Amino acid sequence: MERGGLSPRSRTQAAKKMDAQEKIARLEELSWFQEKLLAQLNEALTGQQRQLDMMEKRLLRLEEHVSMLMLDAQQEAPVNALPPHYMPERY
């Protein structure tokens, strides 16, 4: 045994044990940060999906509205007749 109470072998074992504890602590920290990031990403994705759903509904309403306008425009369109200033007898 050396001064300080621990043999070199005991010191290496203590250092290995400390390294293992530090590694576990770092892994726990990493796990916590990853869980936090995952929750944030999930919240963002959920918000985007909600926004996408609303936009799809709005697009469907707009398509229906445009279809109705096109039908109305076709019904109100004048018959393909010659304009009044056209005089076929002149030609």
N, C-alpha and C. Protein backbone atom coordinates (compact mmCIF):
# COMPACT_ATOMS: atom_id res chain seq x y z
N MET A 1 0.82 -1.18 0.00
CA MET A 1 0.00 0.00 0.00
C MET A 1 0.86 1.24 0.00
N GLU A 2 0.36 2.25 -0.72
CA GLU A 2 1.08 3.52 -0.79
C GLU A 2 0.49 4.50 0.19
N ARG A 3 1.09 5.66 0.22
CA ARG A 3 0.53 6.72 1.05
C ARG A 3 -0.81 7.15 0.46
N GLY A 4 -1.70 7.51 1.26
CA GLY A 4 -3.03 7.88 0.80
C GLY A 4 -4.00 6.75 1.04
N GLY A 5 -3.56 5.59 1.38
CA GLY A 5 -4.43 4.52 1.77
C GLY A 5 -4.86 3.58 0.65
N LEU A 6 -4.64 3.89 -0.62
CA LEU A 6 -5.07 3.01 -1.70
C LEU A 6 -3.88 2.55 -2.52
N SER A 7 -3.92 1.32 -2.86
CA SER A 7 -2.87 0.79 -3.73
C SER A 7 -3.16 1.27 -5.16
N PRO A 8 -2.19 1.19 -6.05
CA PRO A 8 -2.42 1.63 -7.44
C PRO A 8 -3.56 0.86 -8.09
N ARG A 9 -3.67 -0.41 -7.75
CA ARG A 9 -4.74 -1.22 -8.33
C ARG A 9 -6.11 -0.74 -7.82
N SER A 10 -6.19 -0.42 -6.55
CA SER A 10 -7.45 0.08 -5.98
C SER A 10 -7.83 1.42 -6.60
N ARG A 11 -6.80 2.25 -6.85
CA ARG A 11 -7.07 3.54 -7.48
C ARG A 11 -7.63 3.37 -8.89
N THR A 12 -7.10 2.41 -9.64
CA THR A 12 -7.60 2.17 -11.01
C THR A 12 -9.03 1.65 -10.94
N GLN A 13 -9.32 0.79 -10.01
CA GLN A 13 -10.68 0.29 -9.88
C GLN A 13 -11.63 1.42 -9.48
N ALA A 14 -11.19 2.28 -8.59
CA ALA A 14 -12.00 3.42 -8.17
C ALA A 14 -12.22 4.36 -9.36
N ALA A 15 -11.16 4.57 -10.16
CA ALA A 15 -11.29 5.43 -11.34
C ALA A 15 -12.26 4.81 -12.35
N LYS A 16 -12.18 3.49 -12.54
CA LYS A 16 -13.11 2.81 -13.45
C LYS A 16 -14.54 2.93 -12.95
N LYS A 17 -14.70 2.79 -11.62
CA LYS A 17 -16.03 2.90 -11.05
C LYS A 17 -16.56 4.32 -11.24
N MET A 18 -15.69 5.30 -11.05
CA MET A 18 -16.09 6.69 -11.24
C MET A 18 -16.42 6.94 -12.71
N ASP A 19 -15.64 6.38 -13.61
CA ASP A 19 -15.91 6.54 -15.03
C ASP A 19 -17.27 5.94 -15.38
N ALA A 20 -17.57 4.79 -14.82
CA ALA A 20 -18.86 4.14 -15.09
C ALA A 20 -20.00 5.01 -14.56
N GLN A 21 -19.82 5.56 -13.37
CA GLN A 21 -20.85 6.43 -12.80
C GLN A 21 -21.02 7.70 -13.64
N GLU A 22 -19.90 8.25 -14.10
CA GLU A 22 -19.98 9.44 -14.95
C GLU A 22 -20.68 9.11 -16.27
N LYS A 23 -20.37 7.96 -16.81
CA LYS A 23 -21.01 7.55 -18.07
C LYS A 23 -22.51 7.38 -17.88
N ILE A 24 -22.90 6.76 -16.78
CA ILE A 24 -24.33 6.58 -16.49
C ILE A 24 -25.00 7.95 -16.34
N ALA A 25 -24.35 8.86 -15.64
CA ALA A 25 -24.92 10.20 -15.45
C ALA A 25 -25.06 10.91 -16.79
N ARG A 26 -24.05 10.80 -17.64
CA ARG A 26 -24.11 11.43 -18.96
C ARG A 26 -25.21 10.81 -19.81
N LEU A 27 -25.36 9.49 -19.73
CA LEU A 27 -26.42 8.82 -20.48
C LEU A 27 -27.80 9.25 -19.99
N GLU A 28 -27.94 9.41 -18.67
CA GLU A 28 -29.21 9.86 -18.12
C GLU A 28 -29.52 11.29 -18.58
N GLU A 29 -28.50 12.15 -18.60
CA GLU A 29 -28.68 13.52 -19.10
C GLU A 29 -29.09 13.50 -20.56
N LEU A 30 -28.40 12.72 -21.34
CA LEU A 30 -28.69 12.61 -22.77
C LEU A 30 -30.12 12.11 -22.98
N SER A 31 -30.51 11.13 -22.21
CA SER A 31 -31.86 10.58 -22.31
C SER A 31 -32.90 11.65 -21.97
N TRP A 32 -32.64 12.44 -20.94
CA TRP A 32 -33.57 13.49 -20.54
C TRP A 32 -33.72 14.53 -21.65
N PHE A 33 -32.59 14.97 -22.22
CA PHE A 33 -32.64 15.96 -23.29
C PHE A 33 -33.33 15.40 -24.53
N GLN A 34 -33.11 14.14 -24.83
CA GLN A 34 -33.76 13.53 -25.98
C GLN A 34 -35.27 13.41 -25.76
N GLU A 35 -35.68 13.08 -24.55
CA GLU A 35 -37.11 13.02 -24.24
C GLU A 35 -37.75 14.39 -24.37
N LYS A 36 -37.05 15.41 -23.90
CA LYS A 36 -37.55 16.78 -24.00
C LYS A 36 -37.67 17.20 -25.47
N LEU A 37 -36.65 16.91 -26.26
CA LEU A 37 -36.67 17.24 -27.68
C LEU A 37 -37.77 16.48 -28.40
N LEU A 38 -37.95 15.22 -28.06
CA LEU A 38 -39.00 14.41 -28.67
C LEU A 38 -40.38 14.99 -28.37
N ALA A 39 -40.59 15.46 -27.16
CA ALA A 39 -41.87 16.07 -26.79
C ALA A 39 -42.09 17.35 -27.59
N GLN A 40 -41.04 18.15 -27.76
CA GLN A 40 -41.16 19.39 -28.55
C GLN A 40 -41.47 19.08 -30.01
N LEU A 41 -40.78 18.10 -30.56
CA LEU A 41 -41.03 17.72 -31.95
C LEU A 41 -42.44 17.18 -32.13
N ASN A 42 -42.90 16.40 -31.17
CA ASN A 42 -44.25 15.87 -31.22
C ASN A 42 -45.28 17.00 -31.19
N GLU A 43 -45.05 17.98 -30.34
CA GLU A 43 -45.96 19.13 -30.25
C GLU A 43 -45.97 19.91 -31.57
N ALA A 44 -44.80 20.11 -32.17
CA ALA A 44 -44.73 20.83 -33.44
C ALA A 44 -45.42 20.04 -34.55
N LEU A 45 -45.21 18.75 -34.58
CA LEU A 45 -45.83 17.91 -35.60
C LEU A 45 -47.34 17.88 -35.45
N THR A 46 -47.82 17.82 -34.23
CA THR A 46 -49.25 17.82 -33.97
C THR A 46 -49.87 19.14 -34.44
N GLY A 47 -49.19 20.25 -34.17
CA GLY A 47 -49.67 21.56 -34.61
C GLY A 47 -49.70 21.66 -36.13
N GLN A 48 -48.67 21.14 -36.78
CA GLN A 48 -48.64 21.17 -38.24
C GLN A 48 -49.74 20.31 -38.84
N GLN A 49 -50.01 19.17 -38.23
CA GLN A 49 -51.08 18.30 -38.73
C GLN A 49 -52.43 18.97 -38.58
N ARG A 50 -52.63 19.64 -37.46
CA ARG A 50 -53.89 20.37 -37.23
C ARG A 50 -54.04 21.48 -38.28
N GLN A 51 -52.96 22.19 -38.56
CA GLN A 51 -52.97 23.24 -39.57
C GLN A 51 -53.24 22.66 -40.96
N LEU A 52 -52.63 21.54 -41.27
CA LEU A 52 -52.84 20.88 -42.56
C LEU A 52 -54.29 20.44 -42.72
N ASP A 53 -54.88 19.90 -41.67
CA ASP A 53 -56.28 19.49 -41.71
C ASP A 53 -57.19 20.69 -41.99
N MET A 54 -56.91 21.82 -41.33
CA MET A 54 -57.72 23.01 -41.56
C MET A 54 -57.58 23.51 -42.99
N MET A 55 -56.38 23.46 -43.52
CA MET A 55 -56.15 23.93 -44.89
C MET A 55 -56.82 23.01 -45.91
N GLU A 56 -56.84 21.71 -45.65
CA GLU A 56 -57.52 20.79 -46.55
C GLU A 56 -59.01 21.07 -46.58
N LYS A 57 -59.61 21.33 -45.41
CA LYS A 57 -61.03 21.66 -45.35
C LYS A 57 -61.31 22.96 -46.11
N ARG A 58 -60.43 23.93 -45.92
CA ARG A 58 -60.61 25.21 -46.61
C ARG A 58 -60.48 25.03 -48.12
N LEU A 59 -59.54 24.24 -48.55
CA LEU A 59 -59.35 23.98 -49.98
C LEU A 59 -60.59 23.31 -50.57
N LEU A 60 -61.17 22.35 -49.86
CA LEU A 60 -62.38 21.71 -50.34
C LEU A 60 -63.53 22.71 -50.49
N ARG A 61 -63.68 23.59 -49.49
CA ARG A 61 -64.74 24.61 -49.59
C ARG A 61 -64.50 25.54 -50.77
N LEU A 62 -63.25 25.92 -50.99
CA LEU A 62 -62.93 26.80 -52.12
C LEU A 62 -63.18 26.10 -53.46
N GLU A 63 -62.84 24.82 -53.55
CA GLU A 63 -63.09 24.08 -54.79
C GLU A 63 -64.60 24.01 -55.07
N GLU A 64 -65.38 23.78 -54.03
CA GLU A 64 -66.83 23.74 -54.20
C GLU A 64 -67.36 25.10 -54.65
N HIS A 65 -66.83 26.16 -54.06
CA HIS A 65 -67.25 27.51 -54.40
C HIS A 65 -66.90 27.83 -55.86
N VAL A 66 -65.71 27.50 -56.29
CA VAL A 66 -65.28 27.76 -57.66
C VAL A 66 -66.14 26.95 -58.63
N SER A 67 -66.42 25.71 -58.29
CA SER A 67 -67.28 24.88 -59.16
C SER A 67 -68.65 25.51 -59.32
N MET A 68 -69.22 26.01 -58.22
CA MET A 68 -70.53 26.65 -58.30
C MET A 68 -70.47 27.92 -59.15
N LEU A 69 -69.41 28.70 -58.99
CA LEU A 69 -69.26 29.92 -59.79
C LEU A 69 -69.13 29.59 -61.27
N MET A 70 -68.40 28.53 -61.58
CA MET A 70 -68.24 28.14 -62.98
C MET A 70 -69.57 27.68 -63.57
N LEU A 71 -70.35 26.94 -62.80
CA LEU A 71 -71.67 26.51 -63.28
C LEU A 71 -72.57 27.72 -63.52
N ASP A 72 -72.56 28.66 -62.59
CA ASP A 72 -73.37 29.87 -62.74
C ASP A 72 -72.93 30.66 -63.97
N ALA A 73 -71.62 30.75 -64.17
CA ALA A 73 -71.11 31.50 -65.32
C ALA A 73 -71.51 30.82 -66.63
N GLN A 74 -71.53 29.51 -66.67
CA GLN A 74 -71.94 28.80 -67.88
C GLN A 74 -73.42 28.99 -68.16
N GLN A 75 -74.22 29.03 -67.12
CA GLN A 75 -75.66 29.19 -67.30
C GLN A 75 -76.02 30.61 -67.73
N GLU A 76 -75.27 31.57 -67.28
CA GLU A 76 -75.55 32.96 -67.60
C GLU A 76 -74.86 33.42 -68.87
N ALA A 77 -74.01 32.62 -69.43
CA ALA A 77 -73.27 33.01 -70.62
C ALA A 77 -74.23 33.17 -71.80
N PRO A 78 -73.99 34.18 -72.62
CA PRO A 78 -74.86 34.37 -73.78
C PRO A 78 -74.66 33.25 -74.79
N VAL A 79 -75.68 33.02 -75.56
CA VAL A 79 -75.60 32.01 -76.61
C VAL A 79 -74.61 32.51 -77.66
N ASN A 80 -73.88 31.61 -78.24
CA ASN A 80 -72.92 32.01 -79.26
C ASN A 80 -73.67 32.52 -80.50
N ALA A 81 -73.98 33.77 -80.47
CA ALA A 81 -74.68 34.39 -81.59
C ALA A 81 -73.78 35.45 -82.21
N LEU A 82 -74.09 35.81 -83.42
CA LEU A 82 -73.31 36.83 -84.09
C LEU A 82 -73.56 38.18 -83.42
N PRO A 83 -72.54 38.97 -83.30
CA PRO A 83 -72.73 40.29 -82.71
C PRO A 83 -73.62 41.15 -83.62
N PRO A 84 -74.27 42.15 -83.05
CA PRO A 84 -75.21 42.95 -83.83
C PRO A 84 -74.55 43.72 -84.98
N HIS A 85 -73.31 44.06 -84.88
CA HIS A 85 -72.67 44.84 -85.94
C HIS A 85 -72.21 43.96 -87.11
N TYR A 86 -72.30 42.66 -86.96
CA TYR A 86 -71.87 41.76 -88.02
C TYR A 86 -72.99 41.64 -89.04
N MET A 87 -72.66 41.92 -90.28
CA MET A 87 -73.67 41.85 -91.34
C MET A 87 -73.17 40.90 -92.42
N PRO A 88 -73.63 39.67 -92.39
CA PRO A 88 -73.13 38.70 -93.35
C PRO A 88 -73.49 39.05 -94.80
N GLU A 89 -74.55 39.81 -95.01
CA GLU A 89 -74.93 40.12 -96.39
C GLU A 89 -73.94 41.06 -97.06
N ARG A 90 -73.11 41.70 -96.32
CA ARG A 90 -72.13 42.61 -96.92
C ARG A 90 -70.97 41.83 -97.55
N TYR A 91 -70.81 40.58 -97.21
CA TYR A 91 -69.65 39.83 -97.72
C TYR A 91 -70.04 38.88 -98.76
